[in-house]
Amino acid sequence: MLIETHLPDLLHRGKVRDTYALGDDRLLMVATDRISAFDVVLPTGIPEKGIVLNRMSAFWFKKTEHLIPNHFLCLADGPDAASWSDGSGLLETLPAEVASRAMIVKRAQRIDIECIVRGYITGSAWAEYRRQGTVSGQAMPAGLVEGDLFPEPIFTPTTKAEEGHDQNMTGQQVVDMVGTTLARQLEEASKEVYLFALDFAREKGVILADTKMEFGLIDDELILIDELLTPDSSRFWDTAGYKPGQSQPSFDKQFVRDWLTGQGWDQSPPAPDLAPDIVAKTGQRYLEAYQRLTGVKLHER
C-alpha cells in the first residue's frame, strides 16, 4: 500500500516526506512509502518503507548526537510522544499506519543544500569520472574503477531542487549562498558524521559508500535535519560481496535505479510502475539494511 497522509496543517510535501506544523517550534515529519529515483517520485510505493526510514533515522540521530545536534525529539508512536502534544489533538488521532512512520522534530531554518559525502566512486560520480576524470568538477586520480575507495572522503554538495534534478555546486557557490564560516561547518560536520557511520557500519558487515545529509539552523546553531543514513539517502553495500570494478551488492534503492535504467526510462516524469518482484526485493533490501545496522527487527523496540 502506498501510504499517503492527509492531515491538517501540511507545511511541505517532499518526494518522500510530508511535514506538518505541531505548534510554533515543532514539526511532525512523516516518512511515507513513496520512493523516488533520479529525483522523480515513482507511482509504485514500497510497503513499510516509511517505517524503515523513520526508525533508521531515529537510530542514527541518537547515535550521532555527540558529534552534532539534530532536530529529533521522539518517535510519534513512542512513549514520549504525548509530552510533545500541542493540544490540537493531531498526535492523539494519528492513524497507527501514519504514527509508525512519523517523528516529532524541532522546527529549524533549512539550509537549501544537499550535503553529500562520497567514500567510494559509484553512481553519478562514476559516470562523471568515466567521461572526464572528475567528480563534481574535482580532479580525481587516474585509473580508478567502479567501487574504488577514494584516497579520502570527498564533499560534493548539490542544490536542493523542489522540482527536477539537483545540480552540483562548487565550493564557491556554497560560500556565496551561506558564507565562509557556515560553508566550512557544513563540510566538516558532513565528513565527521560520514566517517563515524562508515566505521560503525563496517563492524556490521556493511560498507557506507556515500550519503547525503541536510542541515538547518536554530538560533544560529547548525543542526542535522530531515533523514539520516537511510537506504534512501545512502548507498549501503555488503562487505562480503564487495569487489571493485563492478556494481556492488547493495541494501538501498540502487536496485530500483538499475531496473528503471534497464527499462529504457529517460528519467523524465512520468516514471513507469515498478514490477511486483522489484517492489518485494527492494523492500527486502531496506529491511536487511535496517536489521544489520540497528541489530533489531523492524517491529521490535
Protein backbone atom coordinates (compact mmCIF):
# COMPACT_ATOMS: atom_id res chain seq x y z
CA MET A 1 0.00 0.00 0.00
CA LEU A 2 1.26 3.46 -0.89
CA ILE A 3 0.93 5.48 2.31
CA GLU A 4 -0.38 9.00 1.68
CA THR A 5 -1.15 11.34 4.53
CA HIS A 6 -3.99 13.84 4.56
CA LEU A 7 -3.72 15.70 7.84
CA PRO A 8 -4.33 19.35 8.74
CA ASP A 9 -1.56 21.94 8.74
CA LEU A 10 0.54 20.43 5.94
CA LEU A 11 3.59 22.65 5.58
CA HIS A 12 5.54 20.79 2.96
CA ARG A 13 5.19 17.72 0.77
CA GLY A 14 8.55 16.39 -0.39
CA LYS A 15 9.36 13.46 -2.61
CA VAL A 16 9.07 11.07 0.32
CA ARG A 17 8.30 13.08 3.49
CA ASP A 18 5.24 15.09 4.49
CA THR A 19 5.78 17.75 7.16
CA TYR A 20 3.09 19.19 9.43
CA ALA A 21 3.01 22.04 11.93
CA LEU A 22 2.91 20.97 15.57
CA GLY A 23 2.91 24.23 17.48
CA ASP A 24 5.31 27.07 16.79
CA ASP A 25 8.57 25.23 17.42
CA ARG A 26 7.88 21.61 16.47
CA LEU A 27 7.01 19.63 13.37
CA LEU A 28 5.52 16.23 12.65
CA MET A 29 7.58 14.62 9.90
CA VAL A 30 6.04 11.60 8.16
CA ALA A 31 8.13 9.25 6.03
CA THR A 32 5.69 7.78 3.53
CA ASP A 33 6.12 4.63 1.48
CA ARG A 34 6.73 6.72 -1.63
CA ILE A 35 10.04 6.13 -3.39
CA SER A 36 11.89 8.40 -5.79
CA ALA A 37 14.61 7.70 -8.31
CA PHE A 38 16.57 10.21 -10.37
CA ASP A 39 14.61 12.92 -8.49
CA VAL A 40 11.25 11.62 -9.75
CA VAL A 41 8.59 10.15 -7.44
CA LEU A 42 7.61 6.71 -8.71
CA PRO A 43 3.95 5.68 -9.00
CA THR A 44 4.59 2.49 -7.00
CA GLY A 45 5.35 2.54 -3.28
CA ILE A 46 7.40 0.09 -1.21
CA PRO A 47 5.36 -1.40 1.67
CA GLU A 48 6.70 -0.47 5.14
CA LYS A 49 9.49 1.60 3.60
CA GLY A 50 8.36 4.63 5.59
CA ILE A 51 8.65 2.70 8.85
CA VAL A 52 12.20 1.66 7.95
CA LEU A 53 13.22 5.24 7.11
CA ASN A 54 11.63 6.62 10.25
CA ARG A 55 13.16 4.07 12.61
CA MET A 56 16.59 4.18 10.96
CA SER A 57 16.78 7.97 11.02
CA ALA A 58 15.86 7.94 14.73
CA PHE A 59 18.59 5.35 15.34
CA TRP A 60 21.26 7.44 13.64
CA PHE A 61 20.15 10.74 15.15
CA LYS A 62 20.69 9.21 18.59
CA LYS A 63 23.99 7.61 17.56
CA THR A 64 25.47 10.85 16.21
CA GLU A 65 24.14 13.45 18.64
CA HIS A 66 27.56 13.56 20.34
CA LEU A 67 29.01 14.82 17.04
CA ILE A 68 26.42 17.44 16.13
CA PRO A 69 22.95 18.36 17.46
CA ASN A 70 19.91 17.31 15.44
CA HIS A 71 16.21 18.02 15.25
CA PHE A 72 14.93 14.66 16.57
CA LEU A 73 12.71 14.71 19.66
CA CYS A 74 10.87 11.37 19.64
CA LEU A 75 9.01 8.85 17.50
CA ALA A 76 5.32 9.68 17.09
CA ASP A 77 4.30 6.24 18.33
CA GLY A 78 6.85 6.25 21.15
CA PRO A 79 6.18 6.62 24.88
CA ASP A 80 7.36 10.25 24.95
CA ALA A 81 5.10 11.49 22.15
CA ALA A 82 2.28 12.65 24.42
CA SER A 83 4.57 15.10 26.17
CA TRP A 84 5.09 16.96 22.89
CA SER A 85 1.40 17.39 22.07
CA ASP A 86 0.37 20.92 21.12
CA GLY A 87 -3.21 20.48 22.28
CA SER A 88 -4.61 20.28 18.75
CA GLY A 89 -5.39 16.59 19.03
CA LEU A 90 -3.29 15.81 15.96
CA LEU A 91 -0.95 13.37 17.70
CA GLU A 92 -3.75 11.68 19.62
CA THR A 93 -5.75 10.97 16.46
CA LEU A 94 -2.93 9.81 14.17
CA PRO A 95 -3.78 6.52 12.46
CA ALA A 96 -1.36 3.77 13.51
CA GLU A 97 0.00 3.42 9.97
CA VAL A 98 0.94 7.12 10.00
CA ALA A 99 2.27 7.26 13.57
CA SER A 100 4.64 4.36 12.88
CA ARG A 101 6.15 6.40 10.04
CA ALA A 102 6.37 9.72 11.88
CA MET A 103 8.68 11.56 14.27
CA ILE A 104 8.37 14.78 16.21
CA VAL A 105 11.20 17.18 15.48
CA LYS A 106 12.34 20.70 16.27
CA ARG A 107 11.45 23.32 13.71
CA ALA A 108 14.60 24.71 12.07
CA GLN A 109 15.52 27.08 9.27
CA ARG A 110 16.50 24.72 6.47
CA ILE A 111 19.71 25.28 4.52
CA ASP A 112 18.88 24.53 0.90
CA ILE A 113 21.96 22.43 0.16
CA GLU A 114 22.24 18.65 -0.16
CA CYS A 115 25.46 17.81 1.69
CA ILE A 116 26.84 14.70 0.00
CA VAL A 117 29.89 12.79 1.18
CA ARG A 118 31.40 10.09 -1.02
CA GLY A 119 33.84 7.49 0.25
CA TYR A 120 33.70 5.24 -2.83
CA ILE A 121 33.25 6.01 -6.51
CA THR A 122 29.88 4.89 -7.79
CA GLY A 123 26.62 6.19 -9.24
CA SER A 124 26.69 9.63 -10.83
CA ALA A 125 30.25 10.15 -9.56
CA TRP A 126 31.43 7.12 -11.51
CA ALA A 127 29.57 8.26 -14.61
CA GLU A 128 31.20 11.71 -14.46
CA TYR A 129 34.65 10.23 -13.81
CA ARG A 130 34.39 7.99 -16.87
CA ARG A 131 33.50 10.99 -19.02
CA GLN A 132 36.10 13.47 -17.83
CA GLY A 133 38.16 12.19 -14.91
CA THR A 134 36.44 14.40 -12.33
CA VAL A 135 33.84 14.03 -9.57
CA SER A 136 31.64 17.08 -9.04
CA GLY A 137 34.22 19.02 -11.03
CA GLN A 138 37.09 17.93 -8.76
CA ALA A 139 40.05 16.22 -10.43
CA MET A 140 40.48 12.61 -9.34
CA PRO A 141 43.41 10.17 -9.55
CA ALA A 142 43.72 8.28 -12.84
CA GLY A 143 42.95 4.59 -13.03
CA LEU A 144 40.02 4.35 -10.62
CA VAL A 145 37.50 1.58 -11.27
CA GLU A 146 33.84 1.43 -10.23
CA GLY A 147 33.53 0.91 -6.50
CA ASP A 148 37.07 2.01 -5.64
CA LEU A 149 37.74 3.69 -2.31
CA PHE A 150 38.70 7.36 -2.65
CA PRO A 151 42.01 8.33 -1.01
CA GLU A 152 39.82 10.27 1.44
CA PRO A 153 36.08 11.08 1.53
CA ILE A 154 35.06 13.96 -0.70
CA PHE A 155 32.34 16.55 -0.19
CA THR A 156 30.15 17.07 -3.26
CA PRO A 157 27.24 19.39 -2.39
CA THR A 158 24.28 19.93 -4.68
CA THR A 159 21.33 22.26 -4.86
CA LYS A 160 18.10 21.09 -3.26
CA ALA A 161 15.60 21.34 -6.08
CA GLU A 162 11.88 21.27 -5.31
CA GLU A 163 11.29 20.00 -8.85
CA GLY A 164 13.66 18.44 -11.37
CA HIS A 165 17.22 17.35 -10.78
CA ASP A 166 19.60 18.66 -8.13
CA GLN A 167 22.66 20.39 -9.59
CA ASN A 168 26.28 20.12 -8.46
CA MET A 169 27.61 23.10 -6.52
CA THR A 170 31.17 24.35 -6.39
CA GLY A 171 32.76 25.30 -3.10
CA GLN A 172 32.50 28.95 -4.08
CA GLN A 173 28.78 28.60 -4.79
CA VAL A 174 28.26 27.18 -1.30
CA VAL A 175 30.23 30.08 0.18
CA ASP A 176 28.22 32.57 -1.87
CA MET A 177 24.99 31.05 -0.51
CA VAL A 178 25.81 30.67 3.19
CA GLY A 179 29.14 32.41 3.86
CA THR A 180 32.65 31.10 4.51
CA THR A 181 32.17 30.02 8.12
CA LEU A 182 28.95 28.08 7.59
CA ALA A 183 30.26 26.51 4.38
CA ARG A 184 33.24 25.15 6.30
CA GLN A 185 30.99 23.89 9.10
CA LEU A 186 28.74 22.06 6.63
CA GLU A 187 31.66 20.23 5.05
CA GLU A 188 33.37 19.38 8.32
CA ALA A 189 30.18 18.17 10.01
CA SER A 190 29.16 16.10 6.97
CA LYS A 191 32.51 14.35 6.81
CA GLU A 192 32.61 13.74 10.56
CA VAL A 193 29.19 12.08 10.57
CA TYR A 194 30.07 10.05 7.47
CA LEU A 195 33.35 8.76 8.94
CA PHE A 196 31.64 7.81 12.22
CA ALA A 197 28.91 5.92 10.36
CA LEU A 198 31.45 4.32 7.99
CA ASP A 199 33.30 2.78 10.92
CA PHE A 200 30.09 1.73 12.68
CA ALA A 201 28.63 0.11 9.56
CA ARG A 202 31.88 -1.72 8.78
CA GLU A 203 31.57 -3.56 12.09
CA LYS A 204 28.14 -4.76 10.94
CA GLY A 205 29.43 -6.09 7.61
CA VAL A 206 28.15 -3.07 5.68
CA ILE A 207 30.05 -0.51 3.59
CA LEU A 208 28.66 3.02 3.60
CA ALA A 209 29.67 4.05 0.07
CA ASP A 210 28.15 7.53 0.20
CA THR A 211 25.39 9.50 1.86
CA LYS A 212 23.62 12.84 1.76
CA MET A 213 22.59 14.99 4.70
CA GLU A 214 20.56 18.10 5.29
CA PHE A 215 21.19 20.78 7.85
CA GLY A 216 19.29 23.63 9.41
CA LEU A 217 19.75 26.41 11.92
CA ILE A 218 18.12 27.00 15.29
CA ASP A 219 19.23 30.25 16.94
CA ASP A 220 22.24 30.26 14.59
CA GLU A 221 23.29 26.77 15.74
CA LEU A 222 23.92 24.21 12.99
CA ILE A 223 21.91 21.00 13.38
CA LEU A 224 21.15 17.89 11.32
CA ILE A 225 17.58 17.67 10.00
CA ASP A 226 15.33 15.61 7.69
CA GLU A 227 16.55 11.99 7.45
CA LEU A 228 19.90 10.47 8.28
CA LEU A 229 21.83 7.50 6.88
CA THR A 230 18.84 5.63 5.45
CA PRO A 231 18.73 3.38 2.36
CA ASP A 232 17.05 6.32 0.58
CA SER A 233 19.82 8.79 1.34
CA SER A 234 22.81 6.43 1.31
CA ARG A 235 24.42 3.58 -0.57
CA PHE A 236 24.95 0.54 1.63
CA TRP A 237 26.98 -2.38 0.26
CA ASP A 238 27.50 -5.89 1.56
CA THR A 239 31.12 -6.16 2.72
CA ALA A 240 31.18 -9.86 1.90
CA GLY A 241 30.43 -9.25 -1.78
CA TYR A 242 32.46 -6.08 -2.26
CA LYS A 243 34.76 -6.16 -5.27
CA PRO A 244 36.00 -3.04 -7.10
CA GLY A 245 35.43 -3.00 -10.84
CA GLN A 246 31.76 -3.95 -10.78
CA SER A 247 28.35 -2.96 -9.48
CA GLN A 248 28.23 -3.84 -5.79
CA PRO A 249 25.59 -5.90 -3.91
CA SER A 250 23.56 -3.21 -2.17
CA PHE A 251 20.93 -2.65 0.51
CA ASP A 252 19.46 0.53 -0.92
CA LYS A 253 17.48 1.88 -3.87
CA GLN A 254 20.28 1.39 -6.39
CA PHE A 255 18.43 -1.82 -7.22
CA VAL A 256 15.44 0.29 -8.31
CA ARG A 257 17.62 2.70 -10.29
CA ASP A 258 19.25 -0.19 -12.15
CA TRP A 259 15.88 -1.72 -13.01
CA LEU A 260 14.48 1.58 -14.26
CA THR A 261 17.56 2.15 -16.41
CA GLY A 262 17.11 -1.32 -17.85
CA GLN A 263 13.55 -0.41 -18.86
CA GLY A 264 14.91 2.40 -21.05
CA TRP A 265 13.27 5.14 -18.98
CA ASP A 266 14.69 8.59 -19.80
CA GLN A 267 14.45 9.82 -16.18
CA SER A 268 11.68 12.29 -17.02
CA PRO A 269 8.18 12.09 -15.49
CA PRO A 270 6.11 10.03 -15.56
CA ALA A 271 8.10 7.07 -14.30
CA PRO A 272 6.99 3.52 -15.07
CA ASP A 273 5.28 1.33 -12.49
CA LEU A 274 7.64 -0.97 -10.63
CA ALA A 275 7.16 -4.68 -11.25
CA PRO A 276 5.85 -6.62 -8.21
CA ASP A 277 9.08 -8.60 -7.82
CA ILE A 278 11.11 -5.36 -7.85
CA VAL A 279 8.88 -3.94 -5.12
CA ALA A 280 9.33 -7.08 -3.00
CA LYS A 281 13.10 -7.28 -3.48
CA THR A 282 13.54 -3.58 -2.74
CA GLY A 283 11.59 -3.95 0.49
CA GLN A 284 13.79 -6.89 1.46
CA ARG A 285 16.93 -4.83 0.88
CA TYR A 286 15.66 -1.97 3.05
CA LEU A 287 14.80 -4.39 5.84
CA GLU A 288 18.22 -6.03 5.59
CA ALA A 289 19.94 -2.66 5.92
CA TYR A 290 17.84 -1.73 8.94
CA GLN A 291 18.28 -5.03 10.75
CA ARG A 292 22.01 -5.31 10.11
CA LEU A 293 22.79 -1.78 11.22
CA THR A 294 20.46 -1.46 14.20
CA GLY A 295 20.61 -5.06 15.37
CA VAL A 296 16.82 -5.29 15.84
CA LYS A 297 13.88 -6.43 13.75
CA LEU A 298 11.65 -3.72 12.33
CA HIS A 299 8.77 -4.06 14.77
CA GLU A 300 10.91 -4.62 17.84
CA ARG A 301 11.64 -1.79 20.30
